[in-house]
Amino acid sequence: MIQALQIGGGLIVAMALLQLVLGVGAKTSALFRERRLDARRLQRFNDLADLALRTAETDRLKSGSTWAGKRKFRIVEKRVENKCSDICSFYLQPHDGGELPPFLPGQFLTFELPIADQPTPVIRCYSLSDSPGRLNRYRVTIKRLPPPPGADAKVPGGLSSTYFHSSLKEGDVVDVLAPRGGFVLDLQSDRPVVLIGGGVGLTPVLSMLKALDDSGSPREVRFFHAARSSDDIVLVDEIREIASRKSNVHYKVLFSAPTGHCVEGRDYDLSGFLTVDVLKEYLPSSNYEFYVCGPPPMMASLTEQLRDWGVPESDIHFEAFGPASVRTVQKPRVSEGAAAGVEVEFARSGKRLHWEEEDGTLLDLAEKHGVRIASGCRAGNCGTCATALRDGDVTYVTRPASSPAHGSVLMCVACPRGNVILDA
């Protein structure tokens, strides 16, 4: 335990707690040797020591060295993860050979991709899918998105995901921004937790599970993994390995469309879609912290059902990438706090536009009228679209993962409260 406590200031915190509970100095070892510490005080010590560990680990991750702007990373391994070959993991190491800073479980990396035929680099965010404690390389796991349903055969699939799968190979170098994001596991909490991953949305909650495993946390963990079938489920062996040796980790797999070669009881536990009714079969109550990441329709349905079950908003955490995730899950009414019929001036572009609620966010308005603004997650997470606000005020359709710098706004989730002037 003492070795584990030597994380940043964790040892100092733990020793202070030890003195608080057991008394100071030389009496400590004598008390242990003579076994005069009763069960209640011993339990209290263990609880405080666990708190010290969690606090120290959180502080270590938050205060870890990072980098400003872009940093070049080399792809050291590219691994196909599923039978359909449309999900790959990319393992990254710093091209400069420098240190790899830690991250909080659930955070993502932002990539700047020089995709051919695109006028500017494409910005995209992908969740880190491995343990925050593994600091020799990062891992992101990416699904190649197909064309929209019913689209013409000539319509391409996902721009950035296709680039990763088809253009990038081992040895290639990519530009990466430091880990960020507000969808993170509370490492200081000791409450039971439910981790829910749908499809490739599994990645951030898998990182959370690995963080709990690495820390030796005794928290009750219920992990629900939803996929279509064994053809597209990923990283399942990593979760099963943890669940097999941790009595506090309980794992269930659901297939919404199991194929003929999927065997119930071996490949999956339940068929159908994941709903709160399924959760109720395995959870004794709703008194859990819920972390959800998956396709927007799944998150929209589950988060709404959790609210109906009486789960407080503060206990429902979800990841959102893209406008569909934000608007479907949060269901914001843009008019709340926003004024109708206002003027938005893009000062550098020389455009003065009329904004109405149906125009959506300031980023939507800019793109509709040819004002070029870099963007990434489109959900208030990555900060790529931060733009200086020269005059006026805005409201946010969803709370950003982190507050932008003073005087700047996140265009992808901002709407004007009145007339505004933007430096764009």
Protein backbone atom coordinates (compact mmCIF):
# COMPACT_ATOMS: atom_id res chain seq x y z
CA MET A 1 0.00 0.00 0.00
CA ILE A 2 2.83 2.43 0.89
CA GLN A 3 4.28 2.03 -2.61
CA ALA A 4 0.88 2.70 -4.12
CA LEU A 5 0.51 5.83 -2.04
CA GLN A 6 3.64 7.36 -3.49
CA ILE A 7 1.75 9.22 -6.21
CA GLY A 8 2.42 12.95 -6.23
CA GLY A 9 1.48 14.18 -2.78
CA GLY A 10 -0.46 11.01 -1.92
CA LEU A 11 2.12 9.73 0.57
CA ILE A 12 2.07 12.99 2.50
CA VAL A 13 -1.73 12.99 2.61
CA ALA A 14 -1.87 9.37 3.70
CA MET A 15 0.70 9.84 6.47
CA ALA A 16 -1.21 12.84 7.78
CA LEU A 17 -4.37 10.78 7.87
CA LEU A 18 -2.50 7.94 9.55
CA GLN A 19 -1.34 10.24 12.31
CA LEU A 20 -4.83 11.67 12.68
CA VAL A 21 -6.39 8.26 13.21
CA LEU A 22 -3.73 6.32 15.08
CA GLY A 23 -1.72 8.95 16.89
CA VAL A 24 1.72 10.25 16.02
CA GLY A 25 5.20 8.87 15.57
CA ALA A 26 6.47 5.74 17.21
CA LYS A 27 3.12 4.73 18.70
CA THR A 28 1.85 3.73 15.27
CA SER A 29 3.91 0.57 14.78
CA ALA A 30 3.43 -0.44 18.41
CA LEU A 31 -0.32 -0.16 18.07
CA PHE A 32 -0.24 -2.45 15.07
CA ARG A 33 2.13 -4.96 16.69
CA GLU A 34 0.08 -5.14 19.87
CA ARG A 35 -3.18 -5.41 17.87
CA ARG A 36 -4.90 -2.91 20.10
CA LEU A 37 -6.58 -1.17 17.20
CA ASP A 38 -10.23 -2.16 17.28
CA ALA A 39 -12.16 -3.07 14.12
CA ARG A 40 -13.97 0.25 13.89
CA ARG A 41 -10.80 2.33 14.00
CA LEU A 42 -9.08 0.00 11.56
CA GLN A 43 -11.97 0.36 9.13
CA ARG A 44 -11.83 4.13 9.55
CA PHE A 45 -8.13 4.08 8.73
CA ASN A 46 -8.72 1.97 5.63
CA ASP A 47 -11.45 4.35 4.46
CA LEU A 48 -9.21 7.38 4.91
CA ALA A 49 -6.30 5.65 3.20
CA ASP A 50 -8.51 4.79 0.24
CA LEU A 51 -9.61 8.43 0.07
CA ALA A 52 -5.97 9.52 0.12
CA LEU A 53 -5.19 7.18 -2.77
CA ARG A 54 -8.08 8.44 -4.86
CA THR A 55 -7.31 12.09 -4.11
CA ALA A 56 -3.62 11.63 -4.90
CA GLU A 57 -4.37 9.83 -8.16
CA THR A 58 -6.81 12.54 -9.25
CA ASP A 59 -4.30 15.26 -8.40
CA ARG A 60 -1.58 13.40 -10.29
CA LEU A 61 -3.71 13.16 -13.42
CA LYS A 62 -4.89 16.77 -13.24
CA SER A 63 -1.44 18.19 -12.64
CA GLY A 64 0.40 16.00 -15.14
CA SER A 65 2.57 17.71 -17.71
CA THR A 66 0.82 18.43 -20.98
CA TRP A 67 1.55 20.38 -24.14
CA ALA A 68 0.24 23.48 -25.84
CA GLY A 69 -1.06 23.39 -29.39
CA LYS A 70 -0.26 20.49 -31.70
CA ARG A 71 2.18 17.70 -30.95
CA LYS A 72 3.29 15.05 -33.43
CA PHE A 73 2.59 11.41 -32.61
CA ARG A 74 3.72 8.31 -34.48
CA ILE A 75 1.33 5.41 -35.06
CA VAL A 76 3.29 2.50 -33.60
CA GLU A 77 0.55 -0.10 -34.03
CA LYS A 78 -2.69 -0.40 -35.99
CA ARG A 79 -4.90 -3.29 -34.93
CA VAL A 80 -8.21 -4.50 -36.38
CA GLU A 81 -10.57 -5.15 -33.48
CA ASN A 82 -13.67 -6.82 -34.92
CA LYS A 83 -14.81 -9.41 -37.43
CA CYS A 84 -16.25 -6.80 -39.79
CA SER A 85 -12.83 -5.08 -39.90
CA ASP A 86 -14.48 -1.66 -39.58
CA ILE A 87 -13.10 -0.89 -36.10
CA CYS A 88 -9.39 -0.37 -35.55
CA SER A 89 -7.25 0.63 -32.59
CA PHE A 90 -4.40 3.06 -33.19
CA TYR A 91 -1.53 3.12 -30.70
CA LEU A 92 0.35 6.41 -30.52
CA GLN A 93 3.71 7.49 -29.11
CA PRO A 94 5.24 10.99 -29.11
CA HIS A 95 7.36 11.50 -32.20
CA ASP A 96 9.75 13.69 -30.18
CA GLY A 97 10.45 10.85 -27.75
CA GLY A 98 9.34 12.99 -24.83
CA GLU A 99 7.18 12.11 -21.86
CA LEU A 100 3.58 11.08 -22.27
CA PRO A 101 1.35 13.01 -19.86
CA PRO A 102 -1.48 11.27 -18.00
CA PHE A 103 -5.14 11.84 -18.67
CA LEU A 104 -8.40 11.46 -16.80
CA PRO A 105 -10.45 8.33 -17.59
CA GLY A 106 -13.04 9.29 -20.19
CA GLN A 107 -11.08 12.07 -21.90
CA PHE A 108 -10.36 12.28 -25.63
CA LEU A 109 -7.66 13.36 -28.08
CA THR A 110 -8.24 15.95 -30.78
CA PHE A 111 -6.63 15.27 -34.17
CA GLU A 112 -5.83 17.73 -36.96
CA LEU A 113 -5.95 15.74 -40.20
CA PRO A 114 -4.61 16.91 -43.61
CA ILE A 115 -7.23 15.13 -45.69
CA ALA A 116 -6.95 15.51 -49.46
CA ASP A 117 -9.49 17.74 -51.23
CA GLN A 118 -10.35 19.51 -47.97
CA PRO A 119 -9.66 23.27 -47.94
CA THR A 120 -8.41 23.20 -44.34
CA PRO A 121 -7.27 20.47 -41.94
CA VAL A 122 -10.16 18.40 -40.56
CA ILE A 123 -10.53 18.47 -36.77
CA ARG A 124 -11.92 15.37 -35.06
CA CYS A 125 -12.05 14.03 -31.50
CA TYR A 126 -11.66 10.39 -30.46
CA SER A 127 -11.88 8.98 -26.93
CA LEU A 128 -8.87 7.35 -25.31
CA SER A 129 -9.70 3.68 -24.86
CA ASP A 130 -6.93 2.41 -22.61
CA SER A 131 -5.86 2.78 -19.00
CA PRO A 132 -4.78 6.27 -17.84
CA GLY A 133 -2.01 4.47 -15.96
CA ARG A 134 -0.43 3.13 -19.14
CA LEU A 135 1.91 5.98 -19.97
CA ASN A 136 4.09 4.48 -22.66
CA ARG A 137 1.50 5.06 -25.40
CA TYR A 138 -2.02 6.30 -26.04
CA ARG A 139 -4.78 4.28 -27.71
CA VAL A 140 -7.82 5.41 -29.66
CA THR A 141 -10.30 2.95 -31.16
CA ILE A 142 -12.13 4.20 -34.25
CA LYS A 143 -15.05 2.84 -36.27
CA ARG A 144 -15.11 3.55 -40.00
CA LEU A 145 -18.49 5.19 -40.46
CA PRO A 146 -20.51 4.04 -43.49
CA PRO A 147 -22.50 6.37 -45.78
CA PRO A 148 -25.87 7.50 -44.38
CA PRO A 149 -28.67 4.91 -44.69
CA GLY A 150 -30.30 5.03 -48.10
CA ALA A 151 -27.60 7.25 -49.55
CA ASP A 152 -26.37 6.90 -53.13
CA ALA A 153 -23.48 4.48 -53.58
CA LYS A 154 -21.22 7.40 -54.50
CA VAL A 155 -21.79 9.13 -51.17
CA PRO A 156 -18.65 8.64 -49.05
CA GLY A 157 -18.58 7.37 -45.51
CA GLY A 158 -17.19 9.22 -42.53
CA LEU A 159 -14.49 11.63 -43.66
CA SER A 160 -12.05 11.33 -40.77
CA SER A 161 -12.76 7.70 -39.86
CA THR A 162 -12.20 6.64 -43.48
CA TYR A 163 -8.94 8.58 -43.50
CA PHE A 164 -7.75 6.75 -40.38
CA HIS A 165 -8.68 3.34 -41.76
CA SER A 166 -7.66 3.75 -45.40
CA SER A 167 -4.84 6.28 -45.42
CA LEU A 168 -2.96 5.97 -42.14
CA LYS A 169 -0.59 3.09 -41.43
CA GLU A 170 2.00 2.14 -38.85
CA GLY A 171 4.88 4.59 -38.87
CA ASP A 172 2.77 7.54 -40.02
CA VAL A 173 2.77 10.76 -37.98
CA VAL A 174 -0.36 12.68 -36.93
CA ASP A 175 -0.93 16.04 -35.23
CA VAL A 176 -2.61 15.73 -31.83
CA LEU A 177 -3.88 18.15 -29.20
CA ALA A 178 -3.56 17.30 -25.50
CA PRO A 179 -6.21 15.16 -23.74
CA ARG A 180 -9.30 17.04 -22.66
CA GLY A 181 -13.01 16.61 -22.03
CA GLY A 182 -15.44 16.78 -19.13
CA PHE A 183 -16.91 13.27 -19.42
CA VAL A 184 -14.60 11.83 -16.76
CA LEU A 185 -14.97 9.34 -13.95
CA ASP A 186 -14.98 10.81 -10.44
CA LEU A 187 -12.03 8.96 -8.97
CA GLN A 188 -12.68 10.37 -5.50
CA SER A 189 -16.18 8.94 -5.24
CA ASP A 190 -16.78 5.64 -3.50
CA ARG A 191 -20.36 5.23 -4.75
CA PRO A 192 -21.34 2.26 -6.95
CA VAL A 193 -21.10 3.01 -10.63
CA VAL A 194 -22.84 1.85 -13.81
CA LEU A 195 -20.77 2.01 -17.01
CA ILE A 196 -22.72 1.74 -20.27
CA GLY A 197 -21.06 1.46 -23.67
CA GLY A 198 -22.90 1.12 -26.97
CA GLY A 199 -20.92 0.09 -30.04
CA VAL A 200 -17.62 1.93 -30.31
CA GLY A 201 -18.96 4.28 -27.62
CA LEU A 202 -17.50 1.67 -25.33
CA THR A 203 -14.10 3.39 -25.47
CA PRO A 204 -14.32 6.06 -22.72
CA VAL A 205 -16.15 3.82 -20.25
CA LEU A 206 -13.58 1.07 -20.85
CA SER A 207 -10.90 3.57 -19.84
CA MET A 208 -12.93 4.27 -16.69
CA LEU A 209 -13.13 0.57 -15.86
CA LYS A 210 -9.38 0.20 -16.32
CA ALA A 211 -8.73 3.19 -14.05
CA LEU A 212 -10.83 1.58 -11.31
CA ASP A 213 -9.01 -1.71 -11.81
CA ASP A 214 -5.57 -0.07 -11.69
CA SER A 215 -6.39 1.79 -8.49
CA GLY A 216 -7.68 -1.34 -6.75
CA SER A 217 -10.97 0.43 -6.06
CA PRO A 218 -13.54 -1.69 -4.18
CA ARG A 219 -16.45 0.24 -5.74
CA GLU A 220 -19.27 -1.86 -7.10
CA VAL A 221 -19.12 -1.66 -10.90
CA ARG A 222 -21.93 -2.73 -13.23
CA PHE A 223 -20.76 -2.73 -16.85
CA PHE A 224 -23.36 -3.04 -19.63
CA HIS A 225 -21.99 -3.51 -23.15
CA ALA A 226 -24.41 -3.19 -26.08
CA ALA A 227 -23.61 -4.17 -29.67
CA ARG A 228 -25.40 -5.57 -32.71
CA SER A 229 -23.68 -8.96 -32.70
CA SER A 230 -20.34 -10.66 -32.22
CA ASP A 231 -19.33 -9.33 -35.64
CA ASP A 232 -18.93 -5.78 -34.36
CA ILE A 233 -18.34 -6.06 -30.61
CA VAL A 234 -14.87 -4.87 -29.61
CA LEU A 235 -12.42 -5.17 -26.72
CA VAL A 236 -14.70 -7.61 -24.95
CA ASP A 237 -11.82 -9.83 -23.83
CA GLU A 238 -10.24 -6.94 -21.94
CA ILE A 239 -13.42 -6.39 -19.94
CA ARG A 240 -13.98 -10.08 -19.27
CA GLU A 241 -10.43 -10.44 -17.98
CA ILE A 242 -11.04 -7.72 -15.39
CA ALA A 243 -14.46 -9.05 -14.42
CA SER A 244 -13.06 -12.58 -14.01
CA ARG A 245 -10.68 -11.53 -11.23
CA LYS A 246 -12.64 -8.69 -9.60
CA SER A 247 -15.61 -9.74 -7.51
CA ASN A 248 -16.91 -6.15 -7.45
CA VAL A 249 -17.11 -5.94 -11.28
CA HIS A 250 -20.23 -7.35 -12.97
CA TYR A 251 -20.37 -7.50 -16.78
CA LYS A 252 -23.32 -8.02 -19.11
CA VAL A 253 -23.32 -8.12 -22.93
CA LEU A 254 -26.43 -7.36 -24.99
CA PHE A 255 -26.81 -8.06 -28.71
CA SER A 256 -29.58 -6.22 -30.53
CA ALA A 257 -29.29 -8.39 -33.68
CA PRO A 258 -27.45 -11.64 -32.84
CA THR A 259 -26.52 -13.69 -35.90
CA GLY A 260 -26.76 -17.44 -36.29
CA HIS A 261 -23.25 -18.03 -35.01
CA CYS A 262 -23.78 -15.97 -31.84
CA VAL A 263 -24.22 -18.26 -28.84
CA GLU A 264 -26.22 -16.97 -25.89
CA GLY A 265 -24.39 -17.57 -22.65
CA ARG A 266 -21.04 -17.61 -24.43
CA ASP A 267 -20.98 -14.56 -26.67
CA TYR A 268 -23.74 -12.55 -25.03
CA ASP A 269 -26.08 -12.55 -22.05
CA LEU A 270 -29.22 -10.89 -23.39
CA SER A 271 -30.78 -10.06 -26.76
CA GLY A 272 -32.53 -6.81 -27.54
CA PHE A 273 -31.83 -3.16 -26.86
CA LEU A 274 -30.51 -1.81 -23.60
CA THR A 275 -33.25 -0.06 -21.63
CA VAL A 276 -33.84 0.93 -18.04
CA ASP A 277 -36.07 -2.14 -17.67
CA VAL A 278 -32.98 -4.24 -18.38
CA LEU A 279 -30.98 -2.25 -15.83
CA LYS A 280 -33.68 -2.80 -13.23
CA GLU A 281 -33.25 -6.57 -13.58
CA TYR A 282 -29.66 -6.29 -12.33
CA LEU A 283 -29.59 -3.18 -10.16
CA PRO A 284 -31.15 -3.28 -6.69
CA SER A 285 -31.92 0.45 -6.89
CA SER A 286 -31.24 3.57 -8.93
CA ASN A 287 -28.66 4.79 -6.42
CA TYR A 288 -25.69 4.60 -8.80
CA GLU A 289 -23.56 7.01 -10.76
CA PHE A 290 -24.30 6.38 -14.45
CA TYR A 291 -21.79 6.95 -17.26
CA VAL A 292 -23.23 6.46 -20.76
CA CYS A 293 -21.62 6.63 -24.19
CA GLY A 294 -23.01 5.25 -27.43
CA PRO A 295 -25.04 6.17 -30.52
CA PRO A 296 -27.18 9.32 -30.03
CA PRO A 297 -30.55 7.46 -30.14
CA MET A 298 -29.37 5.07 -27.42
CA MET A 299 -28.12 7.89 -25.21
CA ALA A 300 -31.28 9.91 -25.75
CA SER A 301 -33.49 6.98 -24.77
CA LEU A 302 -31.44 5.85 -21.79
CA THR A 303 -30.86 9.26 -20.25
CA GLU A 304 -34.57 10.07 -20.50
CA GLN A 305 -35.50 6.73 -18.94
CA LEU A 306 -32.99 7.23 -16.14
CA ARG A 307 -34.57 10.60 -15.32
CA ASP A 308 -38.01 8.96 -15.28
CA TRP A 309 -36.62 6.35 -12.88
CA GLY A 310 -35.75 9.15 -10.50
CA VAL A 311 -32.01 9.30 -11.09
CA PRO A 312 -30.80 12.86 -10.33
CA GLU A 313 -29.27 14.81 -13.19
CA SER A 314 -26.04 15.01 -11.20
CA ASP A 315 -25.72 11.20 -11.39
CA ILE A 316 -26.24 10.97 -15.17
CA HIS A 317 -23.08 11.54 -17.20
CA PHE A 318 -22.83 11.09 -20.95
CA GLU A 319 -20.39 11.79 -23.75
CA ALA A 320 -21.46 13.72 -26.83
CA PHE A 321 -19.63 14.16 -30.12
CA GLY A 322 -21.41 16.00 -32.89
CA PRO A 323 -24.59 18.09 -32.98
CA ALA A 324 -26.85 15.03 -33.13
CA SER A 325 -25.55 13.86 -29.74
CA VAL A 326 -25.99 17.25 -28.11
CA ARG A 327 -29.44 18.04 -29.40
CA THR A 328 -30.84 14.55 -29.08
CA VAL A 329 -29.65 13.94 -25.56
CA GLN A 330 -30.05 17.37 -24.04
CA LYS A 331 -33.12 18.34 -26.05
CA PRO A 332 -32.39 22.03 -25.52
CA ARG A 333 -34.81 24.70 -26.51
CA VAL A 334 -32.57 27.27 -28.12
CA SER A 335 -34.99 30.06 -27.26
CA GLU A 336 -34.34 29.66 -23.53
CA GLY A 337 -32.11 32.60 -22.70
CA ALA A 338 -31.64 33.49 -26.36
CA ALA A 339 -33.20 36.44 -28.11
CA ALA A 340 -35.07 36.13 -31.39
CA GLY A 341 -34.51 38.36 -34.39
CA VAL A 342 -31.03 39.59 -33.48
CA GLU A 343 -28.06 40.63 -35.57
CA VAL A 344 -24.82 38.65 -35.60
CA GLU A 345 -21.80 40.40 -37.07
CA PHE A 346 -18.76 38.44 -38.22
CA ALA A 347 -16.29 41.30 -38.11
CA ARG A 348 -13.33 39.88 -40.02
CA SER A 349 -15.57 38.34 -42.70
CA GLY A 350 -17.50 41.56 -43.12
CA LYS A 351 -20.88 39.84 -42.78
CA ARG A 352 -23.83 41.05 -40.71
CA LEU A 353 -26.55 38.39 -40.47
CA HIS A 354 -30.04 38.11 -39.02
CA TRP A 355 -30.38 35.24 -36.51
CA GLU A 356 -33.58 33.35 -35.69
CA GLU A 357 -34.04 30.25 -33.54
CA GLU A 358 -34.22 27.96 -36.57
CA ASP A 359 -30.69 29.06 -37.51
CA GLY A 360 -29.35 26.99 -34.62
CA THR A 361 -26.00 27.71 -33.06
CA LEU A 362 -23.58 30.44 -34.06
CA LEU A 363 -21.45 27.79 -35.78
CA ASP A 364 -24.50 26.63 -37.77
CA LEU A 365 -25.17 30.22 -38.80
CA ALA A 366 -21.55 30.82 -39.79
CA GLU A 367 -21.34 27.67 -41.92
CA LYS A 368 -24.67 28.41 -43.58
CA HIS A 369 -23.30 31.73 -44.81
CA GLY A 370 -19.79 30.71 -45.74
CA VAL A 371 -17.95 32.00 -42.68
CA ARG A 372 -15.15 29.52 -42.08
CA ILE A 373 -14.62 28.52 -38.43
CA ALA A 374 -12.53 25.55 -37.34
CA SER A 375 -14.50 23.00 -35.34
CA GLY A 376 -14.09 19.51 -33.98
CA CYS A 377 -16.49 17.81 -31.61
CA ARG A 378 -19.42 20.19 -32.26
CA ALA A 379 -20.59 19.43 -28.72
CA GLY A 380 -18.78 21.98 -26.55
CA ASN A 381 -16.01 19.57 -25.61
CA CYS A 382 -12.83 20.18 -27.59
CA GLY A 383 -12.61 23.99 -27.67
CA THR A 384 -11.55 24.08 -31.34
CA CYS A 385 -14.28 26.56 -32.31
CA ALA A 386 -13.48 29.08 -29.55
CA THR A 387 -13.92 32.57 -31.03
CA ALA A 388 -13.36 36.00 -29.52
CA LEU A 389 -16.58 37.85 -28.65
CA ARG A 390 -16.09 41.55 -29.35
CA ASP A 391 -19.49 42.66 -28.12
CA GLY A 392 -22.69 41.17 -26.76
CA ASP A 393 -23.49 38.00 -24.85
CA VAL A 394 -24.39 34.37 -25.61
CA THR A 395 -26.19 31.46 -24.04
CA TYR A 396 -25.22 27.78 -24.37
CA VAL A 397 -27.59 25.06 -25.56
CA THR A 398 -25.58 22.57 -23.52
CA ARG A 399 -23.00 23.15 -20.80
CA PRO A 400 -19.47 23.08 -22.27
CA ALA A 401 -17.02 20.55 -20.87
CA SER A 402 -14.84 23.46 -19.76
CA SER A 403 -15.35 27.20 -19.78
CA PRO A 404 -13.72 29.02 -22.69
CA ALA A 405 -11.18 31.74 -22.02
CA HIS A 406 -12.59 35.05 -20.86
CA GLY A 407 -13.92 36.97 -23.83
CA SER A 408 -14.30 33.89 -26.03
CA VAL A 409 -17.29 31.71 -26.88
CA LEU A 410 -17.66 28.13 -28.08
CA MET A 411 -19.49 28.64 -31.34
CA CYS A 412 -20.75 25.05 -31.71
CA VAL A 413 -23.03 25.28 -28.66
CA ALA A 414 -23.61 29.05 -28.40
CA CYS A 415 -26.62 31.16 -29.35
CA PRO A 416 -26.86 34.95 -29.06
CA ARG A 417 -28.70 36.62 -26.18
CA GLY A 418 -28.88 39.79 -28.25
CA ASN A 419 -26.88 41.52 -30.94
CA VAL A 420 -23.32 40.17 -30.97
CA ILE A 421 -20.07 40.93 -32.77
CA LEU A 422 -17.64 38.05 -33.30
CA ASP A 423 -14.01 38.11 -34.36
CA ALA A 424 -14.52 35.78 -37.29
